[in-house]
N, C-alpha and C. Protein backbone atom coordinates (compact mmCIF):
# COMPACT_ATOMS: atom_id res chain seq x y z
N MET A 1 42.71 166.76 229.13
CA MET A 1 43.29 167.57 228.82
C MET A 1 43.79 166.80 226.97
N THR A 2 43.50 167.68 226.04
CA THR A 2 44.50 167.80 224.97
C THR A 2 45.91 167.32 224.77
N THR A 3 46.31 166.73 223.68
CA THR A 3 47.55 166.52 223.80
C THR A 3 48.83 167.30 224.04
N SER A 4 47.88 168.25 223.20
CA SER A 4 48.99 170.01 223.17
C SER A 4 49.19 169.89 224.91
N SER A 5 48.29 169.74 225.12
CA SER A 5 48.92 169.86 227.18
C SER A 5 49.27 169.00 227.34
N ASN A 6 48.34 167.75 227.17
CA ASN A 6 50.09 166.63 226.98
C ASN A 6 51.38 166.87 227.03
N ASN A 7 51.59 167.58 225.70
CA ASN A 7 53.28 167.85 225.34
C ASN A 7 53.82 168.50 226.03
N THR A 8 53.21 169.24 226.25
CA THR A 8 53.63 170.68 227.26
C THR A 8 54.18 169.88 228.71
N ILE A 9 53.17 169.09 229.40
CA ILE A 9 53.33 168.89 230.56
C ILE A 9 54.37 167.79 230.84
N ASN A 10 54.91 167.40 229.50
CA ASN A 10 55.67 165.95 229.46
C ASN A 10 56.90 166.55 229.38
N ASN A 11 56.92 167.64 228.51
CA ASN A 11 58.36 168.25 228.02
C ASN A 11 58.59 168.98 229.78
N GLU A 12 57.47 169.87 230.36
CA GLU A 12 57.98 170.20 232.17
C GLU A 12 58.71 168.67 232.39
N TRP A 13 58.27 167.86 232.98
CA TRP A 13 59.57 166.45 233.61
C TRP A 13 60.29 165.92 232.72
N ILE A 14 60.54 165.96 231.52
CA ILE A 14 61.58 165.58 231.03
C ILE A 14 62.65 167.13 230.86
N GLN A 15 62.25 167.99 230.91
CA GLN A 15 63.09 169.21 231.49
C GLN A 15 63.88 168.98 232.85
N TRP A 16 62.53 168.49 233.44
CA TRP A 16 62.81 168.47 234.81
C TRP A 16 64.26 167.62 235.21
N ILE A 17 64.43 165.88 234.37
CA ILE A 17 64.80 165.33 234.27
C ILE A 17 66.69 166.15 233.81
N GLU A 18 66.92 166.98 232.55
CA GLU A 18 67.67 167.14 231.82
C GLU A 18 68.10 168.33 232.54
N ASP A 19 67.41 168.78 233.48
CA ASP A 19 68.33 169.53 234.59
C ASP A 19 68.63 169.26 234.84
N GLY A 20 68.72 168.21 236.08
CA GLY A 20 68.95 167.30 237.03
C GLY A 20 70.52 166.99 236.80
N ILE A 21 70.38 166.55 235.11
CA ILE A 21 71.35 165.67 234.65
C ILE A 21 72.60 166.53 234.23
N ALA A 22 72.38 168.17 233.96
CA ALA A 22 72.92 169.19 233.97
C ALA A 22 73.59 169.29 234.80
N GLY A 23 72.68 169.86 236.21
CA GLY A 23 73.12 170.12 237.29
C GLY A 23 74.11 169.48 237.71
N GLU A 24 74.33 167.95 237.60
CA GLU A 24 75.05 166.65 237.51
C GLU A 24 74.39 166.60 240.19
N TYR A 25 72.68 166.29 239.76
CA TYR A 25 72.60 165.94 241.05
C TYR A 25 71.79 164.62 240.92
N ILE A 26 71.58 164.46 239.36
CA ILE A 26 70.90 162.78 238.51
C ILE A 26 72.46 162.35 238.24
N ASN A 27 72.72 161.36 237.86
CA ASN A 27 73.65 160.87 237.38
C ASN A 27 73.41 159.64 235.92
N TYR A 28 73.88 160.48 235.20
CA TYR A 28 73.67 159.67 233.53
C TYR A 28 74.13 158.83 233.08
N HIS A 29 74.25 157.46 232.57
CA HIS A 29 74.85 156.70 232.60
C HIS A 29 74.24 155.93 231.25
N ASP A 30 74.86 156.52 230.12
CA ASP A 30 74.51 155.31 228.62
C ASP A 30 74.27 153.81 228.88
N TYR A 31 73.18 153.05 228.16
CA TYR A 31 72.84 151.46 228.77
C TYR A 31 73.85 150.70 228.18
N ASN A 32 74.67 151.65 227.45
CA ASN A 32 75.89 149.91 227.25
C ASN A 32 77.18 150.34 228.48
N GLU A 33 76.84 151.00 228.94
CA GLU A 33 77.90 150.85 230.09
C GLU A 33 77.04 149.52 231.02
N PHE A 34 76.83 149.37 230.84
CA PHE A 34 76.11 148.17 232.18
C PHE A 34 75.90 146.58 230.73
N HIS A 35 76.40 145.67 231.84
CA HIS A 35 76.69 144.43 230.95
C HIS A 35 75.86 143.37 231.92
N ASP A 36 75.78 141.64 231.06
CA ASP A 36 75.79 140.73 231.97
C ASP A 36 73.75 141.13 232.64
N MET A 37 72.92 141.11 231.94
CA MET A 37 71.61 141.58 232.07
C MET A 37 71.16 140.94 232.54
N GLU A 38 70.19 140.56 233.18
CA GLU A 38 69.79 139.78 233.96
C GLU A 38 67.86 140.06 234.11
N ARG A 39 67.14 139.89 233.01
CA ARG A 39 65.14 140.15 233.90
C ARG A 39 65.60 139.44 234.74
N ILE A 40 64.97 140.65 235.99
CA ILE A 40 64.59 139.88 237.09
C ILE A 40 62.93 139.87 238.16
N GLY A 41 62.00 140.67 237.10
CA GLY A 41 60.27 141.08 237.65
C GLY A 41 60.52 141.82 236.64
N THR A 42 59.06 142.04 236.92
CA THR A 42 57.84 143.62 236.16
C THR A 42 57.50 143.62 237.33
N GLY A 43 57.52 145.24 236.84
CA GLY A 43 56.09 146.38 237.43
C GLY A 43 55.47 146.54 236.45
N GLY A 44 55.04 147.81 237.15
CA GLY A 44 54.06 148.39 236.88
C GLY A 44 54.34 149.83 235.76
N PHE A 45 55.48 149.90 235.53
CA PHE A 45 56.19 150.59 234.38
C PHE A 45 56.91 150.00 233.89
N GLY A 46 56.76 148.49 233.94
CA GLY A 46 57.90 148.58 233.07
C GLY A 46 58.60 147.15 233.77
N GLU A 47 60.10 146.47 233.23
CA GLU A 47 60.96 145.38 233.67
C GLU A 47 62.28 145.96 234.75
N VAL A 48 61.78 144.89 235.57
CA VAL A 48 63.72 145.03 236.11
C VAL A 48 64.65 144.03 235.86
N TYR A 49 65.59 144.56 235.39
CA TYR A 49 67.16 143.85 235.50
C TYR A 49 68.43 143.35 236.31
N ARG A 50 68.75 142.73 237.02
CA ARG A 50 70.10 142.71 237.10
C ARG A 50 71.40 143.57 236.50
N ALA A 51 72.11 143.27 236.54
CA ALA A 51 72.87 144.41 236.08
C ALA A 51 74.31 144.34 236.92
N ASN A 52 75.14 144.59 235.78
CA ASN A 52 76.97 145.11 236.45
C ASN A 52 77.30 146.84 235.63
N LEU A 53 76.95 147.63 236.92
CA LEU A 53 77.90 149.17 235.61
C LEU A 53 78.98 148.65 236.00
N GLU A 54 79.84 148.49 234.06
CA GLU A 54 81.37 148.36 233.25
C GLU A 54 82.14 149.23 234.78
N SER A 55 81.97 150.60 234.52
CA SER A 55 83.63 151.54 235.12
C SER A 55 83.52 150.75 236.60
N SER A 56 82.25 150.57 237.62
CA SER A 56 82.87 149.82 238.64
C SER A 56 82.76 148.62 239.57
N ASN A 57 82.17 147.68 238.54
CA ASN A 57 81.39 146.21 238.25
C ASN A 57 80.83 146.32 239.89
N THR A 58 79.87 147.30 239.58
CA THR A 58 78.94 147.36 240.84
C THR A 58 77.53 146.68 240.32
N VAL A 59 77.29 145.70 241.02
CA VAL A 59 75.62 145.03 240.79
C VAL A 59 74.77 145.80 240.88
N VAL A 60 74.11 146.42 240.02
CA VAL A 60 72.77 147.41 239.83
C VAL A 60 71.53 146.45 239.99
N ALA A 61 70.47 146.96 239.93
CA ALA A 61 68.88 146.59 239.88
C ALA A 61 68.54 148.28 238.88
N LEU A 62 68.40 147.64 237.37
CA LEU A 62 67.69 148.98 236.66
C LEU A 62 66.05 148.63 236.29
N LYS A 63 65.79 149.45 235.91
CA LYS A 63 64.05 149.00 236.33
C LYS A 63 63.79 150.13 234.65
N SER A 64 63.40 149.64 233.68
CA SER A 64 63.13 150.47 232.59
C SER A 64 62.14 150.25 232.73
N LEU A 65 61.95 151.61 232.45
CA LEU A 65 60.82 152.48 232.19
C LEU A 65 60.00 153.13 230.90
N THR A 66 59.10 152.80 230.53
CA THR A 66 58.84 154.06 229.16
C THR A 66 58.18 155.34 229.66
N SER A 67 58.60 156.26 228.42
CA SER A 67 58.03 157.43 228.79
C SER A 67 57.29 158.05 228.01
N GLY A 68 56.23 157.07 228.02
CA GLY A 68 54.79 157.64 227.17
C GLY A 68 54.44 159.11 228.89
N ASN A 69 53.28 160.03 227.52
CA ASN A 69 52.47 161.26 228.10
C ASN A 69 51.83 160.98 229.46
N ASN A 70 51.92 159.65 229.70
CA ASN A 70 51.12 158.92 230.97
C ASN A 70 52.29 158.91 232.41
N ASN A 71 53.73 158.49 231.52
CA ASN A 71 54.61 158.20 233.06
C ASN A 71 55.55 158.92 233.16
N MET A 72 56.05 160.58 232.29
CA MET A 72 57.00 160.75 232.51
C MET A 72 56.42 161.83 233.94
N LYS A 73 55.52 162.21 234.48
CA LYS A 73 55.03 162.59 235.96
C LYS A 73 55.56 161.23 237.10
N GLU A 74 55.44 160.19 236.67
CA GLU A 74 55.71 159.08 237.89
C GLU A 74 56.77 158.91 237.28
N ILE A 75 57.19 159.70 236.85
CA ILE A 75 59.10 158.76 236.77
C ILE A 75 59.87 159.86 237.28
N VAL A 76 59.67 160.96 236.83
CA VAL A 76 59.58 162.11 238.13
C VAL A 76 59.44 162.12 239.49
N ASN A 77 58.00 161.62 239.38
CA ASN A 77 58.41 161.27 241.29
C ASN A 77 59.01 160.46 241.42
N GLU A 78 58.68 159.15 240.80
CA GLU A 78 59.57 158.31 241.94
C GLU A 78 61.37 158.79 242.00
N ILE A 79 61.83 159.32 241.09
CA ILE A 79 63.08 159.37 241.34
C ILE A 79 63.18 161.29 242.59
N ARG A 80 62.79 161.58 242.51
CA ARG A 80 62.47 162.74 243.22
C ARG A 80 62.67 162.17 244.88
N LEU A 81 61.08 160.71 245.25
CA LEU A 81 61.23 160.11 246.70
C LEU A 81 62.24 158.96 246.28
N MET A 82 63.19 158.48 245.85
CA MET A 82 64.06 157.79 245.78
C MET A 82 65.63 158.61 245.56
N ARG A 83 65.85 159.59 245.66
CA ARG A 83 66.42 160.66 245.92
C ARG A 83 66.59 161.17 247.45
N LYS A 84 65.28 160.67 247.36
CA LYS A 84 65.04 162.22 249.54
C LYS A 84 64.98 160.69 250.60
N VAL A 85 64.33 158.99 249.58
CA VAL A 85 65.13 157.93 250.55
C VAL A 85 66.75 157.36 250.37
N ASN A 86 67.30 158.27 249.35
CA ASN A 86 68.78 157.17 249.58
C ASN A 86 69.48 157.11 250.23
N LEU A 87 69.36 157.49 252.05
CA LEU A 87 70.43 157.17 252.42
C LEU A 87 69.89 156.09 253.39
N HIS A 88 68.53 155.48 253.55
CA HIS A 88 68.67 154.27 254.43
C HIS A 88 68.61 153.44 254.02
N THR A 89 69.15 152.24 255.08
CA THR A 89 69.69 151.08 254.57
C THR A 89 69.20 150.04 254.41
N ASN A 90 67.48 150.55 253.90
CA ASN A 90 66.32 148.74 253.72
C ASN A 90 66.35 149.38 252.58
N ILE A 91 66.34 149.95 251.69
CA ILE A 91 65.97 150.28 250.22
C ILE A 91 67.14 151.06 249.67
N ILE A 92 66.91 150.17 248.06
CA ILE A 92 68.16 150.40 247.67
C ILE A 92 68.58 151.44 246.59
N GLN A 93 69.69 152.08 246.57
CA GLN A 93 70.04 153.42 246.56
C GLN A 93 69.96 154.12 245.05
N PHE A 94 69.65 155.16 244.53
CA PHE A 94 69.02 155.33 243.49
C PHE A 94 70.69 155.75 242.59
N LEU A 95 71.04 155.53 241.45
CA LEU A 95 72.36 155.80 241.27
C LEU A 95 72.52 156.67 239.85
N VAL A 96 71.59 155.95 239.03
CA VAL A 96 71.40 156.47 237.69
C VAL A 96 70.31 156.48 236.95
N LEU A 97 70.45 157.61 236.00
CA LEU A 97 69.57 157.79 235.29
C LEU A 97 70.08 157.09 233.54
N LEU A 98 68.88 156.57 233.25
CA LEU A 98 70.27 156.35 231.43
C LEU A 98 68.77 155.82 230.77
N LYS A 99 69.20 156.35 229.25
CA LYS A 99 68.29 156.06 228.35
C LYS A 99 68.48 155.03 227.09
N GLU A 100 67.62 154.22 226.67
CA GLU A 100 68.30 153.44 226.10
C GLU A 100 67.04 153.74 224.35
N GLU A 101 67.76 154.15 223.62
CA GLU A 101 66.98 154.63 222.29
C GLU A 101 66.63 153.45 221.15
């Protein structure tokens, strides 16, 4: 696959996320809305942190994902999956999507 076609596909996944934020079925928070961050693990896509969401003082797990060409599809798939299983008591609820620049 060429770089141009990779970028087109990547842009489609980014557009899906942006549409979700605009349609308010994906919540968005700025990185600076979280405090007391502590790294608690590492996974295949990045690192996991424990943090507090400032607006509600809720303890959350933040999964740090990189947005490279190969990862955008996986990020979207994970968001879709988390939204489907959001109501199960044994699965951590998907709350927000945020971006650190």
